N, C-alpha and C. Protein backbone atom coordinates (compact mmCIF):
# COMPACT_ATOMS: atom_id res chain seq x y z
N MET A 1 -90.75 -89.07 -37.09
CA MET A 1 -90.92 -90.31 -37.79
C MET A 1 -90.63 -91.48 -36.85
N LYS A 2 -91.52 -92.47 -36.87
CA LYS A 2 -91.35 -93.63 -36.00
C LYS A 2 -90.41 -94.64 -36.63
N SER A 3 -89.56 -95.21 -35.81
CA SER A 3 -88.61 -96.21 -36.27
C SER A 3 -89.28 -97.58 -36.27
N PRO A 4 -89.08 -98.40 -37.28
CA PRO A 4 -89.69 -99.73 -37.31
C PRO A 4 -88.98 -100.74 -36.42
N TYR A 5 -87.89 -100.32 -35.78
CA TYR A 5 -87.11 -101.23 -34.96
C TYR A 5 -87.44 -101.06 -33.49
N PHE A 6 -87.25 -102.15 -32.74
CA PHE A 6 -87.50 -102.12 -31.31
C PHE A 6 -86.26 -101.62 -30.58
N LYS A 7 -86.48 -100.91 -29.52
CA LYS A 7 -85.38 -100.45 -28.68
C LYS A 7 -85.03 -101.55 -27.68
N THR A 8 -83.77 -101.71 -27.39
CA THR A 8 -83.34 -102.68 -26.40
C THR A 8 -83.63 -102.13 -25.01
N TYR A 9 -84.31 -102.94 -24.21
CA TYR A 9 -84.65 -102.50 -22.86
C TYR A 9 -83.44 -102.68 -21.95
N SER A 10 -83.14 -101.68 -21.16
CA SER A 10 -82.08 -101.76 -20.17
C SER A 10 -82.66 -101.28 -18.84
N ALA A 11 -82.63 -102.15 -17.84
CA ALA A 11 -83.20 -101.82 -16.53
C ALA A 11 -82.39 -100.73 -15.85
N LYS A 12 -83.10 -99.84 -15.21
CA LYS A 12 -82.47 -98.79 -14.41
C LYS A 12 -82.53 -99.21 -12.95
N PRO A 13 -81.67 -98.64 -12.11
CA PRO A 13 -81.68 -99.05 -10.69
C PRO A 13 -83.05 -98.91 -10.02
N ASP A 14 -83.86 -97.96 -10.45
CA ASP A 14 -85.20 -97.79 -9.86
C ASP A 14 -86.16 -98.90 -10.29
N ASP A 15 -85.91 -99.51 -11.44
CA ASP A 15 -86.80 -100.54 -11.97
C ASP A 15 -86.58 -101.90 -11.31
N ILE A 16 -85.43 -102.09 -10.67
CA ILE A 16 -85.07 -103.39 -10.11
C ILE A 16 -85.79 -103.62 -8.78
N GLU A 17 -86.49 -104.74 -8.72
CA GLU A 17 -87.20 -105.12 -7.49
C GLU A 17 -86.64 -106.44 -7.00
N LYS A 18 -85.92 -106.40 -5.87
CA LYS A 18 -85.27 -107.59 -5.34
C LYS A 18 -86.17 -108.27 -4.30
N LYS A 19 -86.34 -109.58 -4.47
CA LYS A 19 -87.10 -110.37 -3.52
C LYS A 19 -86.14 -111.27 -2.74
N TRP A 20 -86.64 -111.89 -1.70
CA TRP A 20 -85.86 -112.85 -0.93
C TRP A 20 -86.46 -114.23 -1.20
N ILE A 21 -85.61 -115.18 -1.53
CA ILE A 21 -86.05 -116.53 -1.87
C ILE A 21 -85.36 -117.52 -0.94
N LEU A 22 -86.13 -118.46 -0.41
CA LEU A 22 -85.63 -119.49 0.49
C LEU A 22 -85.60 -120.83 -0.25
N VAL A 23 -84.45 -121.49 -0.24
CA VAL A 23 -84.29 -122.77 -0.93
C VAL A 23 -83.83 -123.81 0.09
N ASP A 24 -84.53 -124.95 0.12
CA ASP A 24 -84.14 -126.05 1.00
C ASP A 24 -83.31 -127.03 0.18
N ALA A 25 -82.06 -127.25 0.56
CA ALA A 25 -81.13 -128.09 -0.19
C ALA A 25 -81.18 -129.55 0.21
N GLU A 26 -82.06 -129.92 1.11
CA GLU A 26 -82.09 -131.30 1.61
C GLU A 26 -82.43 -132.27 0.49
N GLY A 27 -81.51 -133.22 0.22
CA GLY A 27 -81.73 -134.24 -0.79
C GLY A 27 -81.56 -133.78 -2.22
N GLU A 28 -81.19 -132.53 -2.45
CA GLU A 28 -81.03 -131.99 -3.81
C GLU A 28 -79.64 -132.34 -4.34
N VAL A 29 -79.54 -132.50 -5.66
CA VAL A 29 -78.26 -132.76 -6.32
C VAL A 29 -77.53 -131.42 -6.45
N LEU A 30 -76.25 -131.40 -6.09
CA LEU A 30 -75.49 -130.16 -5.98
C LEU A 30 -75.48 -129.33 -7.26
N GLY A 31 -75.10 -129.91 -8.38
CA GLY A 31 -74.96 -129.15 -9.62
C GLY A 31 -76.28 -128.58 -10.12
N ARG A 32 -77.33 -129.37 -10.04
CA ARG A 32 -78.65 -128.92 -10.51
C ARG A 32 -79.17 -127.78 -9.64
N LEU A 33 -78.95 -127.91 -8.33
CA LEU A 33 -79.38 -126.85 -7.41
C LEU A 33 -78.58 -125.58 -7.63
N ALA A 34 -77.26 -125.73 -7.80
CA ALA A 34 -76.38 -124.57 -7.97
C ALA A 34 -76.71 -123.81 -9.25
N SER A 35 -77.03 -124.51 -10.33
CA SER A 35 -77.33 -123.82 -11.58
C SER A 35 -78.62 -123.02 -11.48
N LYS A 36 -79.61 -123.56 -10.78
CA LYS A 36 -80.87 -122.82 -10.61
C LYS A 36 -80.68 -121.62 -9.69
N ILE A 37 -79.85 -121.77 -8.65
CA ILE A 37 -79.56 -120.64 -7.76
C ILE A 37 -78.82 -119.56 -8.53
N ALA A 38 -77.87 -119.94 -9.38
CA ALA A 38 -77.10 -118.97 -10.17
C ALA A 38 -78.01 -118.18 -11.11
N ILE A 39 -79.01 -118.84 -11.69
CA ILE A 39 -79.97 -118.15 -12.57
C ILE A 39 -80.76 -117.13 -11.78
N ILE A 40 -81.18 -117.50 -10.57
CA ILE A 40 -81.96 -116.57 -9.73
C ILE A 40 -81.09 -115.40 -9.29
N LEU A 41 -79.84 -115.66 -8.87
CA LEU A 41 -78.93 -114.59 -8.45
C LEU A 41 -78.65 -113.63 -9.60
N ARG A 42 -78.50 -114.16 -10.79
CA ARG A 42 -78.19 -113.34 -11.97
C ARG A 42 -79.40 -112.53 -12.43
N GLY A 43 -80.62 -113.06 -12.20
CA GLY A 43 -81.83 -112.36 -12.60
C GLY A 43 -82.34 -112.80 -13.95
N LYS A 44 -81.85 -113.91 -14.46
CA LYS A 44 -82.25 -114.37 -15.78
C LYS A 44 -83.68 -114.89 -15.82
N HIS A 45 -84.30 -115.10 -14.69
CA HIS A 45 -85.68 -115.58 -14.64
C HIS A 45 -86.67 -114.43 -14.74
N LYS A 46 -86.19 -113.20 -14.78
CA LYS A 46 -87.05 -112.02 -14.83
C LYS A 46 -87.08 -111.43 -16.24
N PRO A 47 -88.21 -110.85 -16.64
CA PRO A 47 -88.27 -110.24 -17.98
C PRO A 47 -87.40 -108.99 -18.11
N GLU A 48 -87.09 -108.34 -17.00
CA GLU A 48 -86.28 -107.12 -17.06
C GLU A 48 -84.78 -107.40 -16.87
N PHE A 49 -84.34 -108.62 -17.21
CA PHE A 49 -82.92 -108.99 -17.09
C PHE A 49 -82.06 -108.06 -17.93
N THR A 50 -81.01 -107.54 -17.30
CA THR A 50 -80.03 -106.71 -17.98
C THR A 50 -78.66 -107.31 -17.68
N PRO A 51 -77.88 -107.66 -18.72
CA PRO A 51 -76.64 -108.42 -18.49
C PRO A 51 -75.60 -107.73 -17.64
N HIS A 52 -75.56 -106.40 -17.65
CA HIS A 52 -74.49 -105.71 -16.94
C HIS A 52 -74.91 -105.19 -15.56
N MET A 53 -76.10 -105.59 -15.08
CA MET A 53 -76.59 -105.10 -13.78
C MET A 53 -77.03 -106.26 -12.90
N ASP A 54 -77.08 -105.99 -11.61
CA ASP A 54 -77.56 -106.95 -10.62
C ASP A 54 -79.08 -106.85 -10.57
N THR A 55 -79.78 -107.66 -11.38
CA THR A 55 -81.24 -107.64 -11.40
C THR A 55 -81.82 -108.84 -10.67
N GLY A 56 -80.96 -109.68 -10.07
CA GLY A 56 -81.40 -110.91 -9.42
C GLY A 56 -81.94 -110.70 -8.02
N ASP A 57 -82.35 -111.79 -7.44
CA ASP A 57 -82.93 -111.79 -6.10
C ASP A 57 -81.90 -112.27 -5.08
N ASN A 58 -82.22 -112.08 -3.80
CA ASN A 58 -81.40 -112.60 -2.70
C ASN A 58 -81.85 -114.03 -2.43
N VAL A 59 -80.89 -114.94 -2.26
CA VAL A 59 -81.21 -116.35 -2.06
C VAL A 59 -80.66 -116.82 -0.72
N VAL A 60 -81.51 -117.47 0.07
CA VAL A 60 -81.12 -118.07 1.34
C VAL A 60 -81.24 -119.58 1.17
N VAL A 61 -80.15 -120.31 1.38
CA VAL A 61 -80.14 -121.77 1.24
C VAL A 61 -79.99 -122.37 2.63
N ILE A 62 -80.90 -123.29 2.98
CA ILE A 62 -80.82 -123.97 4.27
C ILE A 62 -80.54 -125.46 4.03
N ASN A 63 -80.12 -126.16 5.07
CA ASN A 63 -79.79 -127.59 5.03
C ASN A 63 -78.70 -127.91 4.02
N ALA A 64 -77.66 -127.11 3.99
CA ALA A 64 -76.56 -127.34 3.06
C ALA A 64 -75.80 -128.63 3.37
N GLU A 65 -75.84 -129.09 4.61
CA GLU A 65 -75.12 -130.30 4.99
C GLU A 65 -75.80 -131.56 4.45
N LYS A 66 -77.04 -131.44 3.95
CA LYS A 66 -77.78 -132.60 3.45
C LYS A 66 -77.84 -132.63 1.93
N ILE A 67 -76.87 -131.99 1.28
CA ILE A 67 -76.80 -131.95 -0.18
C ILE A 67 -76.34 -133.31 -0.70
N ARG A 68 -76.69 -133.62 -1.95
CA ARG A 68 -76.33 -134.91 -2.55
C ARG A 68 -75.39 -134.69 -3.73
N LEU A 69 -74.46 -135.60 -3.93
CA LEU A 69 -73.63 -135.63 -5.11
C LEU A 69 -73.81 -136.99 -5.76
N THR A 70 -73.91 -137.03 -7.08
CA THR A 70 -74.16 -138.30 -7.76
C THR A 70 -72.85 -139.02 -8.05
N GLY A 71 -72.95 -140.32 -8.29
CA GLY A 71 -71.78 -141.11 -8.63
C GLY A 71 -70.77 -141.17 -7.49
N LYS A 72 -69.47 -141.14 -7.86
CA LYS A 72 -68.41 -141.19 -6.86
C LYS A 72 -67.80 -139.82 -6.62
N LYS A 73 -68.55 -138.77 -6.90
CA LYS A 73 -68.01 -137.41 -6.76
C LYS A 73 -67.68 -137.07 -5.31
N MET A 74 -68.38 -137.67 -4.37
CA MET A 74 -68.15 -137.36 -2.96
C MET A 74 -66.71 -137.69 -2.55
N THR A 75 -66.11 -138.70 -3.18
CA THR A 75 -64.74 -139.08 -2.83
C THR A 75 -63.74 -138.74 -3.93
N ASP A 76 -64.17 -138.74 -5.20
CA ASP A 76 -63.24 -138.55 -6.31
C ASP A 76 -63.06 -137.08 -6.72
N LYS A 77 -64.07 -136.27 -6.57
CA LYS A 77 -63.96 -134.85 -6.93
C LYS A 77 -62.99 -134.17 -5.98
N GLN A 78 -62.23 -133.19 -6.48
CA GLN A 78 -61.27 -132.49 -5.63
C GLN A 78 -61.40 -130.98 -5.80
N TYR A 79 -61.38 -130.29 -4.68
CA TYR A 79 -61.32 -128.83 -4.67
C TYR A 79 -59.87 -128.42 -4.49
N PHE A 80 -59.43 -127.44 -5.24
CA PHE A 80 -58.04 -127.01 -5.27
C PHE A 80 -57.91 -125.64 -4.62
N SER A 81 -56.89 -125.47 -3.80
CA SER A 81 -56.57 -124.14 -3.27
C SER A 81 -55.05 -124.00 -3.25
N TYR A 82 -54.60 -122.78 -3.40
CA TYR A 82 -53.16 -122.52 -3.47
C TYR A 82 -52.83 -121.32 -2.60
N SER A 83 -51.87 -121.48 -1.71
CA SER A 83 -51.52 -120.42 -0.76
C SER A 83 -50.66 -119.34 -1.38
N GLY A 84 -50.03 -119.64 -2.51
CA GLY A 84 -49.13 -118.68 -3.15
C GLY A 84 -47.68 -118.99 -2.88
N TYR A 85 -47.42 -119.91 -1.98
CA TYR A 85 -46.05 -120.31 -1.65
C TYR A 85 -45.69 -121.61 -2.38
N PRO A 86 -44.40 -121.86 -2.60
CA PRO A 86 -44.00 -123.12 -3.22
C PRO A 86 -44.46 -124.30 -2.37
N GLY A 87 -45.06 -125.27 -3.01
CA GLY A 87 -45.58 -126.43 -2.28
C GLY A 87 -46.86 -126.15 -1.53
N GLY A 88 -47.51 -125.02 -1.81
CA GLY A 88 -48.70 -124.62 -1.07
C GLY A 88 -50.01 -125.07 -1.69
N GLU A 89 -49.97 -126.09 -2.55
CA GLU A 89 -51.18 -126.62 -3.15
C GLU A 89 -51.91 -127.51 -2.15
N ARG A 90 -53.21 -127.33 -2.05
CA ARG A 90 -54.02 -128.14 -1.15
C ARG A 90 -55.21 -128.69 -1.93
N PHE A 91 -55.50 -129.95 -1.74
CA PHE A 91 -56.64 -130.59 -2.36
C PHE A 91 -57.54 -131.15 -1.27
N THR A 92 -58.85 -131.01 -1.45
CA THR A 92 -59.79 -131.58 -0.50
C THR A 92 -60.98 -132.14 -1.26
N THR A 93 -61.65 -133.13 -0.68
CA THR A 93 -62.81 -133.76 -1.31
C THR A 93 -64.09 -133.14 -0.75
N PRO A 94 -65.21 -133.27 -1.47
CA PRO A 94 -66.47 -132.76 -0.93
C PRO A 94 -66.86 -133.41 0.39
N ALA A 95 -66.51 -134.67 0.59
CA ALA A 95 -66.84 -135.35 1.85
C ALA A 95 -66.16 -134.66 3.03
N LYS A 96 -64.86 -134.33 2.88
CA LYS A 96 -64.14 -133.63 3.96
C LYS A 96 -64.66 -132.21 4.14
N LEU A 97 -64.98 -131.56 3.02
CA LEU A 97 -65.46 -130.18 3.09
C LEU A 97 -66.84 -130.11 3.74
N LEU A 98 -67.68 -131.11 3.49
CA LEU A 98 -69.00 -131.15 4.12
C LEU A 98 -68.90 -131.32 5.63
N GLU A 99 -67.88 -132.05 6.08
CA GLU A 99 -67.67 -132.20 7.53
C GLU A 99 -67.20 -130.90 8.15
N LYS A 100 -66.24 -130.25 7.49
CA LYS A 100 -65.61 -129.05 8.04
C LYS A 100 -66.46 -127.79 7.84
N LYS A 101 -66.81 -127.49 6.58
CA LYS A 101 -67.59 -126.29 6.25
C LYS A 101 -68.63 -126.65 5.19
N PRO A 102 -69.81 -127.14 5.60
CA PRO A 102 -70.80 -127.60 4.63
C PRO A 102 -71.33 -126.48 3.73
N THR A 103 -71.24 -125.25 4.15
CA THR A 103 -71.74 -124.15 3.33
C THR A 103 -70.86 -123.88 2.12
N ASP A 104 -69.57 -124.22 2.22
CA ASP A 104 -68.63 -123.93 1.14
C ASP A 104 -68.88 -124.76 -0.12
N VAL A 105 -69.46 -125.94 0.03
CA VAL A 105 -69.71 -126.79 -1.13
C VAL A 105 -70.69 -126.11 -2.08
N ILE A 106 -71.78 -125.58 -1.54
CA ILE A 106 -72.78 -124.89 -2.37
C ILE A 106 -72.22 -123.56 -2.87
N THR A 107 -71.53 -122.83 -2.00
CA THR A 107 -70.98 -121.53 -2.39
C THR A 107 -69.98 -121.68 -3.54
N LYS A 108 -69.10 -122.67 -3.49
CA LYS A 108 -68.13 -122.88 -4.56
C LYS A 108 -68.80 -123.28 -5.87
N ALA A 109 -69.84 -124.10 -5.78
CA ALA A 109 -70.56 -124.53 -6.99
C ALA A 109 -71.27 -123.36 -7.66
N VAL A 110 -71.91 -122.51 -6.86
CA VAL A 110 -72.62 -121.36 -7.42
C VAL A 110 -71.63 -120.33 -7.95
N LYS A 111 -70.53 -120.11 -7.23
CA LYS A 111 -69.52 -119.15 -7.66
C LYS A 111 -68.96 -119.50 -9.04
N GLY A 112 -68.78 -120.79 -9.29
CA GLY A 112 -68.28 -121.24 -10.58
C GLY A 112 -69.24 -121.00 -11.72
N MET A 113 -70.51 -120.77 -11.42
CA MET A 113 -71.52 -120.56 -12.46
C MET A 113 -71.86 -119.09 -12.67
N LEU A 114 -71.23 -118.21 -11.91
CA LEU A 114 -71.45 -116.78 -12.07
C LEU A 114 -70.33 -116.16 -12.91
N PRO A 115 -70.54 -114.96 -13.44
CA PRO A 115 -69.48 -114.31 -14.23
C PRO A 115 -68.22 -114.11 -13.40
N LYS A 116 -67.07 -114.22 -14.07
CA LYS A 116 -65.79 -114.06 -13.39
C LYS A 116 -65.33 -112.62 -13.49
N ASN A 117 -66.05 -111.71 -12.87
CA ASN A 117 -65.70 -110.29 -12.89
C ASN A 117 -66.32 -109.62 -11.66
N ALA A 118 -66.32 -108.29 -11.63
CA ALA A 118 -66.84 -107.55 -10.47
C ALA A 118 -68.32 -107.81 -10.27
N LEU A 119 -69.07 -107.98 -11.36
CA LEU A 119 -70.50 -108.26 -11.24
C LEU A 119 -70.72 -109.61 -10.57
N GLY A 120 -69.93 -110.61 -10.93
CA GLY A 120 -70.06 -111.93 -10.31
C GLY A 120 -69.78 -111.90 -8.82
N ARG A 121 -68.78 -111.12 -8.42
CA ARG A 121 -68.47 -110.99 -6.98
C ARG A 121 -69.60 -110.27 -6.25
N GLN A 122 -70.22 -109.30 -6.90
CA GLN A 122 -71.34 -108.58 -6.29
C GLN A 122 -72.55 -109.50 -6.17
N LEU A 123 -72.80 -110.32 -7.18
CA LEU A 123 -73.94 -111.24 -7.15
C LEU A 123 -73.78 -112.29 -6.05
N LEU A 124 -72.54 -112.72 -5.81
CA LEU A 124 -72.30 -113.75 -4.79
C LEU A 124 -72.62 -113.23 -3.39
N ARG A 125 -72.59 -111.91 -3.21
CA ARG A 125 -72.95 -111.34 -1.90
C ARG A 125 -74.45 -111.48 -1.61
N ASN A 126 -75.25 -111.78 -2.64
CA ASN A 126 -76.69 -111.95 -2.45
C ASN A 126 -77.06 -113.39 -2.08
N LEU A 127 -76.05 -114.24 -1.88
CA LEU A 127 -76.27 -115.64 -1.52
C LEU A 127 -75.91 -115.84 -0.05
N ARG A 128 -76.84 -116.44 0.70
CA ARG A 128 -76.57 -116.80 2.10
C ARG A 128 -76.83 -118.28 2.24
N VAL A 129 -75.84 -119.02 2.74
CA VAL A 129 -75.96 -120.47 2.86
C VAL A 129 -75.81 -120.84 4.33
N TYR A 130 -76.72 -121.70 4.81
CA TYR A 130 -76.70 -122.16 6.20
C TYR A 130 -76.68 -123.68 6.23
N ALA A 131 -75.90 -124.26 7.15
CA ALA A 131 -75.73 -125.71 7.24
C ALA A 131 -77.02 -126.39 7.70
N GLY A 132 -77.70 -125.81 8.66
CA GLY A 132 -78.90 -126.42 9.21
C GLY A 132 -80.18 -125.74 8.74
N PRO A 133 -81.31 -126.09 9.36
CA PRO A 133 -82.60 -125.53 8.94
C PRO A 133 -82.89 -124.12 9.46
N VAL A 134 -82.04 -123.62 10.35
CA VAL A 134 -82.29 -122.29 10.95
C VAL A 134 -81.50 -121.23 10.19
N HIS A 135 -82.17 -120.11 9.87
CA HIS A 135 -81.50 -118.99 9.21
C HIS A 135 -81.90 -117.69 9.90
N GLN A 136 -81.15 -116.62 9.62
CA GLN A 136 -81.35 -115.34 10.31
C GLN A 136 -82.15 -114.33 9.50
N HIS A 137 -82.87 -114.78 8.48
CA HIS A 137 -83.52 -113.83 7.58
C HIS A 137 -85.03 -113.94 7.59
N THR A 138 -85.60 -114.23 8.76
CA THR A 138 -87.06 -114.31 8.87
C THR A 138 -87.70 -112.93 8.73
N ALA A 139 -86.98 -111.88 9.12
CA ALA A 139 -87.53 -110.53 9.02
C ALA A 139 -87.75 -110.12 7.56
N GLN A 140 -86.96 -110.68 6.63
CA GLN A 140 -87.11 -110.35 5.22
C GLN A 140 -88.24 -111.12 4.56
N GLN A 141 -88.87 -112.05 5.30
CA GLN A 141 -89.97 -112.88 4.83
C GLN A 141 -89.64 -113.53 3.49
N PRO A 142 -88.65 -114.43 3.46
CA PRO A 142 -88.29 -115.07 2.19
C PRO A 142 -89.40 -116.00 1.70
N GLU A 143 -89.58 -116.01 0.41
CA GLU A 143 -90.58 -116.84 -0.23
C GLU A 143 -89.95 -118.20 -0.52
N LYS A 144 -90.56 -119.28 0.03
CA LYS A 144 -89.99 -120.62 -0.14
C LYS A 144 -90.25 -121.11 -1.55
N VAL A 145 -89.18 -121.57 -2.20
CA VAL A 145 -89.27 -122.05 -3.58
C VAL A 145 -88.69 -123.45 -3.64
N THR A 146 -89.38 -124.36 -4.36
CA THR A 146 -88.84 -125.69 -4.61
C THR A 146 -88.27 -125.67 -6.03
N LEU A 147 -87.01 -126.05 -6.15
CA LEU A 147 -86.37 -126.01 -7.46
C LEU A 147 -86.33 -127.36 -8.11
């Protein structure tokens, strides 16, 4: 007897097809770019999206040093880190972080938009961010996407 209900589709590891995507961050607004990258990393843009699996693509971001922040976020926003010792709190602004490690600004923004569990940490490994226009993934033939 046939059931009148639909079965929920769950992707199997053999069904997952990972592509390489190249994103140019020059002149892009940080939050808008990060949310679109997080969707691609998670795989939500694919019809075979499965919430508990890595169905997303690999993303290569170039020109991270030319990212834009709106308003006064460049000076007023603060990133927090804690060493674990008393008095070990450190605060830094995006302007200082862009000078020191421009790739961390995009990485931190995308990390905040991924799940806070083992799957989120696995998805973050599929993100590669480069400060300038040169990247090391030409052999993977990444498909350039404008977001």
